[in-house]
Amino acid sequence: MTTRQPNSRYCFVCGVTNPVGLHLHFDSAQPGEVIAEVTLPEHFQGYPGITHGGIIAAMLDEVAGRAHMDSGSDPRFMFTASLKVRYRKNVPTGQPLRVVGTAGERKGRMAEAHSAIYAEDGTLLADAVAVLVDVPDGMIENVDLESLGWRVYTDEELEQV
């Protein structure tokens, strides 16, 4: 069974009301593993029918960070310190994709995560290794996350936005 992770309103990758965003929804498949299913529209292409590399990197970055995120009431936010992307095959637009993030080793305020994008048939299209660092203490303590739209949206709500 999967557990839906929160979305925000305006994040480029997960913002539910961002008019130019990707609108991805992430589910925790098991502790330390996050998945998203997406079919990217043509306006995210670099070459005809092929997703722009920056869009690929954005998805890999987001899912890597979310692999270490607790989907409960006290989420763990991290910044990406480095992201090493390997573009293995063209990532198509207009076709179902599976984006997967897996938590790696954690040392103090730093952590590693792995992320990948797969075609519908399971072919590995792109993958990355991310080094993440905790958001500094106090940075989000006084932020009202719900006012930013940071919450789990129902399927019905997502269909309306």
Protein backbone atom coordinates (compact mmCIF):
# COMPACT_ATOMS: atom_id res chain seq x y z
CA MET A 1 0.00 0.00 0.00
CA THR A 2 1.25 3.49 -0.80
CA THR A 3 0.85 6.70 1.16
CA ARG A 4 0.38 10.00 -0.68
CA GLN A 5 2.94 12.69 0.16
CA PRO A 6 1.95 16.35 0.44
CA ASN A 7 1.99 18.74 -2.50
CA SER A 8 2.36 22.50 -2.46
CA ARG A 9 0.57 25.14 -4.47
CA TYR A 10 3.42 26.64 -6.50
CA CYS A 11 6.42 24.28 -6.57
CA PHE A 12 7.49 23.75 -10.18
CA VAL A 13 7.51 19.97 -9.80
CA CYS A 14 4.65 19.30 -7.33
CA GLY A 15 2.63 22.53 -7.24
CA VAL A 16 -1.02 21.77 -7.79
CA THR A 17 -1.87 25.29 -9.01
CA ASN A 18 1.37 26.21 -10.79
CA PRO A 19 0.15 26.97 -14.32
CA VAL A 20 3.51 26.04 -15.89
CA GLY A 21 4.48 23.25 -13.48
CA LEU A 22 4.75 19.49 -13.82
CA HIS A 23 2.00 18.73 -11.25
CA LEU A 24 3.60 15.48 -10.05
CA HIS A 25 2.06 13.60 -7.12
CA PHE A 26 4.33 11.46 -4.99
CA ASP A 27 3.51 8.33 -3.04
CA SER A 28 5.65 6.64 -0.40
CA ALA A 29 5.79 3.05 -1.57
CA GLN A 30 7.69 1.92 1.52
CA PRO A 31 10.03 3.66 3.96
CA GLY A 32 12.73 5.37 1.93
CA GLU A 33 11.09 4.84 -1.47
CA VAL A 34 8.93 7.36 -3.32
CA ILE A 35 7.22 7.00 -6.69
CA ALA A 36 5.37 9.22 -9.13
CA GLU A 37 3.60 8.30 -12.34
CA VAL A 38 3.51 10.96 -15.05
CA THR A 39 2.88 11.48 -18.74
CA LEU A 40 4.59 14.71 -19.76
CA PRO A 41 2.88 16.96 -22.30
CA GLU A 42 4.65 18.13 -25.44
CA HIS A 43 5.35 21.61 -24.05
CA PHE A 44 8.10 20.09 -21.85
CA GLN A 45 10.08 18.86 -24.86
CA GLY A 46 13.58 19.88 -25.91
CA TYR A 47 13.50 18.08 -29.24
CA PRO A 48 10.21 16.90 -30.79
CA GLY A 49 8.82 14.11 -28.65
CA ILE A 50 11.78 14.17 -26.23
CA THR A 51 11.66 15.70 -22.74
CA HIS A 52 14.05 18.60 -22.10
CA GLY A 53 17.05 17.61 -19.97
CA GLY A 54 16.30 20.31 -17.40
CA ILE A 55 12.83 18.87 -16.83
CA ILE A 56 14.35 15.42 -16.38
CA ALA A 57 16.84 16.79 -13.83
CA ALA A 58 14.06 18.61 -11.95
CA MET A 59 12.04 15.40 -11.58
CA LEU A 60 15.09 13.39 -10.48
CA ASP A 61 16.01 16.10 -7.97
CA GLU A 62 12.54 16.30 -6.44
CA VAL A 63 12.02 12.56 -6.05
CA ALA A 64 15.50 12.14 -4.54
CA GLY A 65 14.76 14.71 -1.84
CA ARG A 66 11.35 13.23 -1.15
CA ALA A 67 12.88 9.79 -0.52
CA HIS A 68 14.13 11.16 2.82
CA MET A 69 10.95 13.13 3.59
CA ASP A 70 8.55 12.02 6.28
CA SER A 71 5.06 12.37 4.87
CA GLY A 72 3.64 12.94 8.35
CA SER A 73 2.84 16.23 10.07
CA ASP A 74 6.53 17.14 10.55
CA PRO A 75 8.13 16.75 7.12
CA ARG A 76 11.91 16.66 6.73
CA PHE A 77 12.99 19.25 4.19
CA MET A 78 16.39 19.09 2.52
CA PHE A 79 18.33 21.13 -0.03
CA THR A 80 20.21 19.50 -2.88
CA ALA A 81 23.96 20.04 -2.53
CA SER A 82 24.80 18.12 -5.70
CA LEU A 83 22.97 16.16 -8.35
CA LYS A 84 24.77 13.89 -10.81
CA VAL A 85 22.42 13.00 -13.65
CA ARG A 86 22.98 10.27 -16.22
CA TYR A 87 20.83 10.58 -19.34
CA ARG A 88 20.77 7.01 -20.60
CA LYS A 89 18.02 7.11 -23.26
CA ASN A 90 15.63 9.71 -24.58
CA VAL A 91 12.79 10.41 -22.14
CA PRO A 92 9.65 10.67 -24.26
CA THR A 93 6.82 13.14 -23.90
CA GLY A 94 3.28 11.82 -24.23
CA GLN A 95 4.11 8.39 -22.77
CA PRO A 96 3.69 7.03 -19.23
CA LEU A 97 6.78 7.33 -17.04
CA ARG A 98 7.60 6.11 -13.54
CA VAL A 99 9.83 8.32 -11.39
CA VAL A 100 11.40 6.58 -8.37
CA GLY A 101 13.46 7.94 -5.48
CA THR A 102 15.32 5.79 -2.97
CA ALA A 103 16.88 7.04 0.25
CA GLY A 104 20.54 6.25 0.67
CA GLU A 105 22.96 6.62 3.53
CA ARG A 106 22.53 9.41 6.05
CA LYS A 107 25.43 11.02 7.94
CA GLY A 108 24.51 13.80 10.32
CA ARG A 109 22.83 16.63 8.42
CA MET A 110 23.70 15.10 5.03
CA ALA A 111 22.14 12.24 3.11
CA GLU A 112 22.45 10.55 -0.23
CA ALA A 113 19.55 9.51 -2.44
CA HIS A 114 19.16 7.79 -5.78
CA SER A 115 16.51 8.56 -8.36
CA ALA A 116 15.49 7.13 -11.69
CA ILE A 117 13.00 7.54 -14.51
CA TYR A 118 11.63 4.45 -16.22
CA ALA A 119 9.61 3.90 -19.38
CA GLU A 120 6.33 2.03 -19.16
CA ASP A 121 8.13 -1.21 -20.11
CA GLY A 122 10.65 -0.77 -17.27
CA THR A 123 13.54 0.54 -19.38
CA LEU A 124 15.82 2.84 -17.40
CA LEU A 125 15.86 6.22 -19.15
CA ALA A 126 17.72 8.47 -16.70
CA ASP A 127 19.05 8.25 -13.18
CA ALA A 128 20.82 10.41 -10.62
CA VAL A 129 22.66 10.45 -7.34
CA ALA A 130 21.88 13.37 -5.05
CA VAL A 131 23.70 14.66 -2.01
CA LEU A 132 21.21 16.40 0.26
CA VAL A 133 21.59 18.61 3.32
CA ASP A 134 19.02 19.41 5.98
CA VAL A 135 17.35 22.81 5.77
CA PRO A 136 19.04 24.90 8.49
CA ASP A 137 17.45 24.83 11.94
CA GLY A 138 14.89 27.59 12.35
CA MET A 139 14.42 28.20 8.62
CA ILE A 140 10.93 26.74 8.41
CA GLU A 141 9.93 26.60 12.08
CA ASN A 142 7.71 29.68 11.77
CA VAL A 143 6.45 28.94 8.27
CA ASP A 144 2.77 28.03 8.03
CA LEU A 145 3.09 25.13 5.59
CA GLU A 146 -0.64 24.82 5.13
CA SER A 147 -0.84 28.45 3.97
CA LEU A 148 1.61 27.45 1.21
CA GLY A 149 -0.76 24.67 0.24
CA TRP A 150 1.57 22.03 1.72
CA ARG A 151 -0.80 19.15 2.39
CA VAL A 152 -2.06 15.89 1.01
CA TYR A 153 -4.69 16.53 -1.65
CA THR A 154 -7.45 14.03 -2.38
CA ASP A 155 -7.83 12.65 -5.90
CA GLU A 156 -11.07 14.63 -6.19
CA GLU A 157 -9.30 17.90 -5.28
CA LEU A 158 -6.52 17.19 -7.76
CA GLU A 159 -9.05 16.68 -10.55
CA GLN A 160 -10.53 20.12 -9.84
CA VAL A 161 -7.27 22.11 -10.01
